[in-house]
C-alpha atoms as a PDB file:
ATOM      1  CA  MET A   1     146.831  13.955  99.532  1.00  0.00           C
ATOM      2  CA  LEU A   2     148.608  16.596 101.519  1.00  0.00           C
ATOM      3  CA  SER A   3     148.733  18.932  98.585  1.00  0.00           C
ATOM      4  CA  ARG A   4     145.017  18.553  97.998  1.00  0.00           C
ATOM      5  CA  GLN A   5     144.245  19.208 101.635  1.00  0.00           C
ATOM      6  CA  GLY A   6     146.511  22.256 101.602  1.00  0.00           C
ATOM      7  CA  GLY A   7     144.870  23.552  98.433  1.00  0.00           C
ATOM      8  CA  GLY A   8     141.390  23.065  99.929  1.00  0.00           C
ATOM      9  CA  ALA A   9     142.340  24.946 103.050  1.00  0.00           C
ATOM     10  CA  SER A  10     143.753  27.843 101.081  1.00  0.00           C
ATOM     11  CA  GLY A  11     140.622  27.912  98.911  1.00  0.00           C
ATOM     12  CA  ARG A  12     138.404  28.039 101.949  1.00  0.00           C
ATOM     13  CA  GLU A  13     140.565  30.837 103.356  1.00  0.00           C
ATOM     14  CA  GLU A  14     140.248  32.898 100.179  1.00  0.00           C
ATOM     15  CA  GLY A  15     136.507  32.322 100.091  1.00  0.00           C
ATOM     16  CA  PHE A  16     136.209  33.446 103.705  1.00  0.00           C
ATOM     17  CA  HIS A  17     138.148  36.639 103.027  1.00  0.00           C
ATOM     18  CA  LEU A  18     136.115  37.312  99.887  1.00  0.00           C
ATOM     19  CA  SER A  19     132.894  36.862 101.833  1.00  0.00           C
ATOM     20  CA  ARG A  20     134.057  39.288 104.501  1.00  0.00           C
ATOM     21  CA  ARG A  21     134.951  41.862 101.844  1.00  0.00           C
ATOM     22  CA  CYS A  22     131.538  41.552 100.191  1.00  0.00           C
ATOM     23  CA  HIS A  23     129.848  41.900 103.567  1.00  0.00           C
ATOM     24  CA  ALA A  24     131.894  45.042 104.326  1.00  0.00           C
ATOM     25  CA  TRP A  25     131.030  46.519 100.944  1.00  0.00           C
ATOM     26  CA  THR A  26     127.372  45.823 101.536  1.00  0.00           C
ATOM     27  CA  LEU A  27     127.430  47.504 104.955  1.00  0.00           C
ATOM     28  CA  SER A  28     129.288  50.520 103.601  1.00  0.00           C
ATOM     29  CA  GLY A  29     126.698  50.812 100.843  1.00  0.00           C
ATOM     30  CA  LEU A  30     123.877  50.669 103.368  1.00  0.00           C
ATOM     31  CA  ASN A  31     125.495  53.250 105.633  1.00  0.00           C
ATOM     32  CA  ALA A  32     126.239  55.698 102.815  1.00  0.00           C
ATOM     33  CA  SER A  33     123.663  58.461 102.620  1.00  0.00           C
ATOM     34  CA  PRO A  34     121.926  58.730  99.253  1.00  0.00           C
ATOM     35  CA  SER A  35     122.944  61.737  97.131  1.00  0.00           C
ATOM     36  CA  PRO A  36     120.202  64.393  96.997  1.00  0.00           C
ATOM     37  CA  SER A  37     118.394  64.550  93.716  1.00  0.00           C
ATOM     38  CA  PRO A  38     118.466  67.955  91.966  1.00  0.00           C
ATOM     39  CA  ARG A  39     115.362  70.070  92.484  1.00  0.00           C
ATOM     40  CA  ARG A  40     113.223  70.651  89.463  1.00  0.00           C
ATOM     41  CA  THR A  41     111.834  74.157  88.980  1.00  0.00           C
ATOM     42  CA  VAL A  42     108.153  74.102  88.239  1.00  0.00           C
ATOM     43  CA  ALA A  43     107.022  76.607  85.637  1.00  0.00           C
ATOM     44  CA  PRO A  44     104.074  78.754  86.732  1.00  0.00           C
ATOM     45  CA  THR A  45     100.689  77.707  85.439  1.00  0.00           C
ATOM     46  CA  TRP A  46      98.611  79.829  83.082  1.00  0.00           C
ATOM     47  CA  PRO A  47      96.465  81.317  85.889  1.00  0.00           C
ATOM     48  CA  ALA A  48      99.629  82.249  87.780  1.00  0.00           C
ATOM     49  CA  ARG A  49     101.152  83.792  84.649  1.00  0.00           C
ATOM     50  CA  LEU A  50      97.961  85.718  83.988  1.00  0.00           C
ATOM     51  CA  TRP A  51      97.952  87.015  87.556  1.00  0.00           C
ATOM     52  CA  LEU A  52     101.603  88.058  87.249  1.00  0.00           C
ATOM     53  CA  GLY A  53     100.847  89.823  83.976  1.00  0.00           C
ATOM     54  CA  LEU A  54      97.876  91.725  85.402  1.00  0.00           C
ATOM     55  CA  MET A  55      99.729  92.729  88.564  1.00  0.00           C
ATOM     56  CA  GLY A  56     102.793  93.741  86.565  1.00  0.00           C
ATOM     57  CA  SER A  57     100.658  95.795  84.168  1.00  0.00           C
ATOM     58  CA  ALA A  58      99.025  97.623  87.080  1.00  0.00           C
ATOM     59  CA  PHE A  59     102.427  98.388  88.644  1.00  0.00           C
ATOM     60  CA  ALA A  60     103.887  99.495  85.324  1.00  0.00           C
ATOM     61  CA  LEU A  61     100.932 101.761  84.455  1.00  0.00           C
ATOM     62  CA  LEU A  62     100.885 103.344  87.903  1.00  0.00           C
ATOM     63  CA  GLY A  63     104.642 103.857  87.981  1.00  0.00           C
ATOM     64  CA  GLY A  64     104.733 105.088  84.387  1.00  0.00           C
ATOM     65  CA  PHE A  65     101.992 107.643  84.975  1.00  0.00           C
ATOM     66  CA  PHE A  66     103.662 109.136  88.055  1.00  0.00           C
ATOM     67  CA  CYS A  67     107.065 109.096  86.335  1.00  0.00           C
ATOM     68  CA  TRP A  68     105.536 111.172  83.537  1.00  0.00           C
ATOM     69  CA  TYR A  69     103.682 113.438  85.983  1.00  0.00           C
ATOM     70  CA  LEU A  70     106.693 114.170  88.193  1.00  0.00           C
ATOM     71  CA  GLY A  71     109.032 114.398  85.216  1.00  0.00           C
ATOM     72  CA  HIS A  72     106.725 116.905  83.511  1.00  0.00           C
ATOM     73  CA  HIS A  73     106.550 119.106  86.620  1.00  0.00           C
ATOM     74  CA  PHE A  74     110.307 118.971  87.020  1.00  0.00           C
ATOM     75  CA  LEU A  75     110.867 120.050  83.412  1.00  0.00           C
ATOM     76  CA  VAL A  76     108.369 122.903  83.804  1.00  0.00           C
ATOM     77  CA  ALA A  77     110.099 124.063  86.996  1.00  0.00           C
ATOM     78  CA  LYS A  78     113.526 123.796  85.356  1.00  0.00           C
ATOM     79  CA  ALA A  79     112.332 125.907  82.425  1.00  0.00           C
ATOM     80  CA  MET A  80     110.850 128.530  84.775  1.00  0.00           C
ATOM     81  CA  HIS A  81     114.111 128.825  86.702  1.00  0.00           C
ATOM     82  CA  ALA A  82     115.799 129.571  83.375  1.00  0.00           C
ATOM     83  CA  TRP A  83     113.420 132.475  82.590  1.00  0.00           C
ATOM     84  CA  PRO A  84     114.973 135.946  82.702  1.00  0.00           C
ATOM     85  CA  LYS A  85     114.668 137.783  86.013  1.00  0.00           C
ATOM     86  CA  VAL A  86     113.778 141.449  85.942  1.00  0.00           C
ATOM     87  CA  PRO A  87     113.084 143.991  88.744  1.00  0.00           C
ATOM     88  CA  ALA A  88     109.462 144.269  89.861  1.00  0.00           C
ATOM     89  CA  THR A  89     107.777 146.884  92.035  1.00  0.00           C
ATOM     90  CA  ILE A  90     104.923 145.732  94.274  1.00  0.00           C
ATOM     91  CA  LEU A  91     101.885 147.939  93.626  1.00  0.00           C
ATOM     92  CA  ALA A  92      99.231 146.208  95.745  1.00  0.00           C
ATOM     93  CA  ALA A  93      99.055 143.337  98.231  1.00  0.00           C
ATOM     94  CA  GLU A  94      95.875 142.147  99.867  1.00  0.00           C
ATOM     95  CA  ILE A  95      94.016 139.056 101.056  1.00  0.00           C
ATOM     96  CA  GLU A  96      90.875 137.939  99.290  1.00  0.00           C
ATOM     97  CA  PRO A  97      88.527 135.872 101.509  1.00  0.00           C
ATOM     98  CA  GLY A  98      86.287 133.204 100.071  1.00  0.00           C
ATOM     99  CA  LEU A  99      84.768 129.766 100.554  1.00  0.00           C
ATOM    100  CA  THR A 100      85.918 126.353  99.396  1.00  0.00           C
ATOM    101  CA  GLN A 101      83.684 123.774  97.726  1.00  0.00           C
ATOM    102  CA  HIS A 102      82.990 122.322 101.177  1.00  0.00           C
ATOM    103  CA  GLY A 103      81.889 125.680 102.596  1.00  0.00           C
ATOM    104  CA  THR A 104      84.998 126.299 104.716  1.00  0.00           C
ATOM    105  CA  ALA A 105      86.801 129.630 104.737  1.00  0.00           C
ATOM    106  CA  LYS A 106      89.778 130.199 102.485  1.00  0.00           C
ATOM    107  CA  PHE A 107      92.122 133.149 102.051  1.00  0.00           C
ATOM    108  CA  THR A 108      93.960 133.903  98.812  1.00  0.00           C
ATOM    109  CA  PRO A 109      96.870 136.374  98.598  1.00  0.00           C
ATOM    110  CA  LYS A 110      96.464 138.870  95.764  1.00  0.00           C
ATOM    111  CA  LEU A 111      99.395 140.818  94.394  1.00  0.00           C
ATOM    112  CA  ARG A 112      99.954 143.353  91.653  1.00  0.00           C
ATOM    113  CA  TYR A 113     103.402 144.401  90.510  1.00  0.00           C
ATOM    114  CA  ARG A 114     105.005 146.321  87.649  1.00  0.00           C
ATOM    115  CA  TYR A 115     107.992 145.198  85.632  1.00  0.00           C
ATOM    116  CA  GLN A 116     109.588 146.129  82.343  1.00  0.00           C
ATOM    117  CA  TRP A 117     110.315 143.861  79.397  1.00  0.00           C
ATOM    118  CA  GLU A 118     112.264 145.176  76.423  1.00  0.00           C
ATOM    119  CA  GLY A 119     111.550 148.771  77.437  1.00  0.00           C
ATOM    120  CA  GLN A 120     107.792 148.280  77.823  1.00  0.00           C
ATOM    121  CA  ALA A 121     106.079 148.520  81.224  1.00  0.00           C
ATOM    122  CA  ARG A 122     103.884 145.547  82.114  1.00  0.00           C
ATOM    123  CA  GLU A 123     101.903 144.435  85.140  1.00  0.00           C
ATOM    124  CA  GLY A 124     101.712 140.982  86.693  1.00  0.00           C
ATOM    125  CA  GLN A 125      99.411 139.465  89.279  1.00  0.00           C
ATOM    126  CA  ARG A 126     100.772 135.963  89.699  1.00  0.00           C
ATOM    127  CA  LEU A 127     102.646 135.053  92.834  1.00  0.00           C
ATOM    128  CA  LYS A 128     103.194 131.523  91.520  1.00  0.00           C
ATOM    129  CA  ARG A 129     102.178 129.712  88.352  1.00  0.00           C
ATOM    130  CA  ARG A 130      99.156 128.330  90.185  1.00  0.00           C
ATOM    131  CA  SER A 131      97.152 130.359  92.675  1.00  0.00           C
ATOM    132  CA  ILE A 132      97.784 129.559  96.333  1.00  0.00           C
ATOM    133  CA  GLU A 133      95.340 129.761  99.196  1.00  0.00           C
ATOM    134  CA  GLY A 134      95.120 128.870 102.868  1.00  0.00           C
ATOM    135  CA  SER A 135      92.554 128.270 105.560  1.00  0.00           C
ATOM    136  CA  ASP A 136      94.478 130.208 108.223  1.00  0.00           C
ATOM    137  CA  ARG A 137      94.413 133.986 107.673  1.00  0.00           C
ATOM    138  CA  PRO A 138      97.414 134.810 109.936  1.00  0.00           C
ATOM    139  CA  SER A 139      99.569 132.332 107.966  1.00  0.00           C
ATOM    140  CA  VAL A 140      98.537 133.929 104.682  1.00  0.00           C
ATOM    141  CA  GLU A 141      99.228 137.382 106.116  1.00  0.00           C
ATOM    142  CA  THR A 142     102.706 136.258 107.180  1.00  0.00           C
ATOM    143  CA  TRP A 143     103.308 135.066 103.617  1.00  0.00           C
ATOM    144  CA  LEU A 144     101.986 138.298 102.145  1.00  0.00           C
ATOM    145  CA  ASN A 145     104.097 140.470 104.471  1.00  0.00           C
ATOM    146  CA  GLN A 146     107.136 139.397 102.477  1.00  0.00           C
ATOM    147  CA  TYR A 147     105.834 141.595  99.641  1.00  0.00           C
ATOM    148  CA  PRO A 148     104.972 145.019 101.112  1.00  0.00           C
ATOM    149  CA  VAL A 149     103.627 147.705  98.798  1.00  0.00           C
ATOM    150  CA  GLY A 150     106.419 149.761  97.235  1.00  0.00           C
ATOM    151  CA  SER A 151     109.100 147.111  97.770  1.00  0.00           C
ATOM    152  CA  GLU A 152     111.405 146.021  94.950  1.00  0.00           C
ATOM    153  CA  LYS A 153     111.448 142.332  94.088  1.00  0.00           C
ATOM    154  CA  GLU A 154     112.406 140.194  91.119  1.00  0.00           C
ATOM    155  CA  CYS A 155     110.007 138.379  88.857  1.00  0.00           C
ATOM    156  CA  TYR A 156     110.554 135.615  86.324  1.00  0.00           C
ATOM    157  CA  VAL A 157     109.280 136.503  82.839  1.00  0.00           C
ATOM    158  CA  ASN A 158     108.335 133.937  80.244  1.00  0.00           C
ATOM    159  CA  PRO A 159     110.242 135.049  77.114  1.00  0.00           C
ATOM    160  CA  ALA A 160     107.707 133.284  74.875  1.00  0.00           C
ATOM    161  CA  ASP A 161     104.864 135.242  76.539  1.00  0.00           C
ATOM    162  CA  PRO A 162     106.181 138.377  78.300  1.00  0.00           C
ATOM    163  CA  ASN A 163     102.762 139.020  79.854  1.00  0.00           C
ATOM    164  CA  PHE A 164     103.218 135.854  81.921  1.00  0.00           C
ATOM    165  CA  ALA A 165     105.398 136.509  84.960  1.00  0.00           C
ATOM    166  CA  VAL A 166     105.701 135.011  88.445  1.00  0.00           C
ATOM    167  CA  LEU A 167     107.447 136.057  91.616  1.00  0.00           C
ATOM    168  CA  ILE A 168     108.091 132.451  92.732  1.00  0.00           C
ATOM    169  CA  PRO A 169     108.940 129.747  90.172  1.00  0.00           C
ATOM    170  CA  ASP A 170     107.853 126.148  90.640  1.00  0.00           C
ATOM    171  CA  SER A 171     109.946 123.892  92.837  1.00  0.00           C
ATOM    172  CA  LYS A 172     112.238 121.276  91.275  1.00  0.00           C
ATOM    173  CA  ALA A 173     111.671 118.910  94.196  1.00  0.00           C
ATOM    174  CA  ALA A 174     109.632 116.561  91.976  1.00  0.00           C
ATOM    175  CA  LEU A 175     112.919 115.090  90.739  1.00  0.00           C
ATOM    176  CA  TYR A 176     113.760 113.767  94.211  1.00  0.00           C
ATOM    177  CA  SER A 177     110.464 111.836  94.372  1.00  0.00           C
ATOM    178  CA  LEU A 178     110.960 110.164  90.994  1.00  0.00           C
ATOM    179  CA  TRP A 179     112.663 107.058  92.430  1.00  0.00           C
ATOM    180  CA  LEU A 180     109.450 105.609  93.919  1.00  0.00           C
ATOM    181  CA  PRO A 181     107.326 105.507  90.725  1.00  0.00           C
ATOM    182  CA  ALA A 182     110.443 104.377  88.826  1.00  0.00           C
ATOM    183  CA  PHE A 183     110.687 101.415  91.216  1.00  0.00           C
ATOM    184  CA  PHE A 184     107.035 100.538  90.546  1.00  0.00           C
ATOM    185  CA  LEU A 185     107.628 100.815  86.789  1.00  0.00           C
ATOM    186  CA  VAL A 186     110.683  98.519  86.811  1.00  0.00           C
ATOM    187  CA  SER A 187     108.954  96.022  89.121  1.00  0.00           C
ATOM    188  CA  GLY A 188     105.911  95.944  86.854  1.00  0.00           C
ATOM    189  CA  LEU A 189     108.025  95.335  83.755  1.00  0.00           C
ATOM    190  CA  PHE A 190     109.876  92.549  85.578  1.00  0.00           C
ATOM    191  CA  LEU A 191     106.599  90.818  86.488  1.00  0.00           C
ATOM    192  CA  ILE A 192     105.328  91.187  82.910  1.00  0.00           C
ATOM    193  CA  GLY A 193     108.556  89.611  81.648  1.00  0.00           C
ATOM    194  CA  ARG A 194     108.161  86.670  84.025  1.00  0.00           C
ATOM    195  CA  ALA A 195     104.566  86.186  82.918  1.00  0.00           C
ATOM    196  CA  ILE A 196     105.534  86.168  79.236  1.00  0.00           C
ATOM    197  CA  LEU A 197     108.563  83.898  79.592  1.00  0.00           C
ATOM    198  CA  GLY A 198     106.838  81.614  82.104  1.00  0.00           C
ATOM    199  CA  LYS A 199     109.751  81.611  84.571  1.00  0.00           C
END
């Protein structure tokens, strides 16, 4: 009898401890914060991909055009700076007045100079590759005063066409502006890639 009573008491004790452990596990499970579920990336829909493709195409075309434009001008200027330089004598320097398409006054510097190429005397009239003009006569006069009649200057002669000469070659500054259209071009290609891959 005593052994049975002792065994029952120990069984009740073990059951009590087991119940307390289960209760503690339950509370710890309730108090534990749930682990965050991984976020799922949603692929862009067809309208969004079409919009990305159109916007990327516009950026790429705009950037590509200006990359070509600035690159072409830089290469032309680089080639002109490589032309042979020969002495030139200023024969005439004057200002030619005129009107723009909008009816406002314009003033164009006109020059004439003599130079020699391979022993043959030639005459040039170009200050730059493209004619320059201004709306302020004193500013044009200040520019023209750098080339007084009778002064000795240097002109750049195109070896492929010796009759084509300039006193001032084109500027190579177009190279320093190439980064902006290049950025548009790369951005446009990136958007086109996202539209095609759907990411």
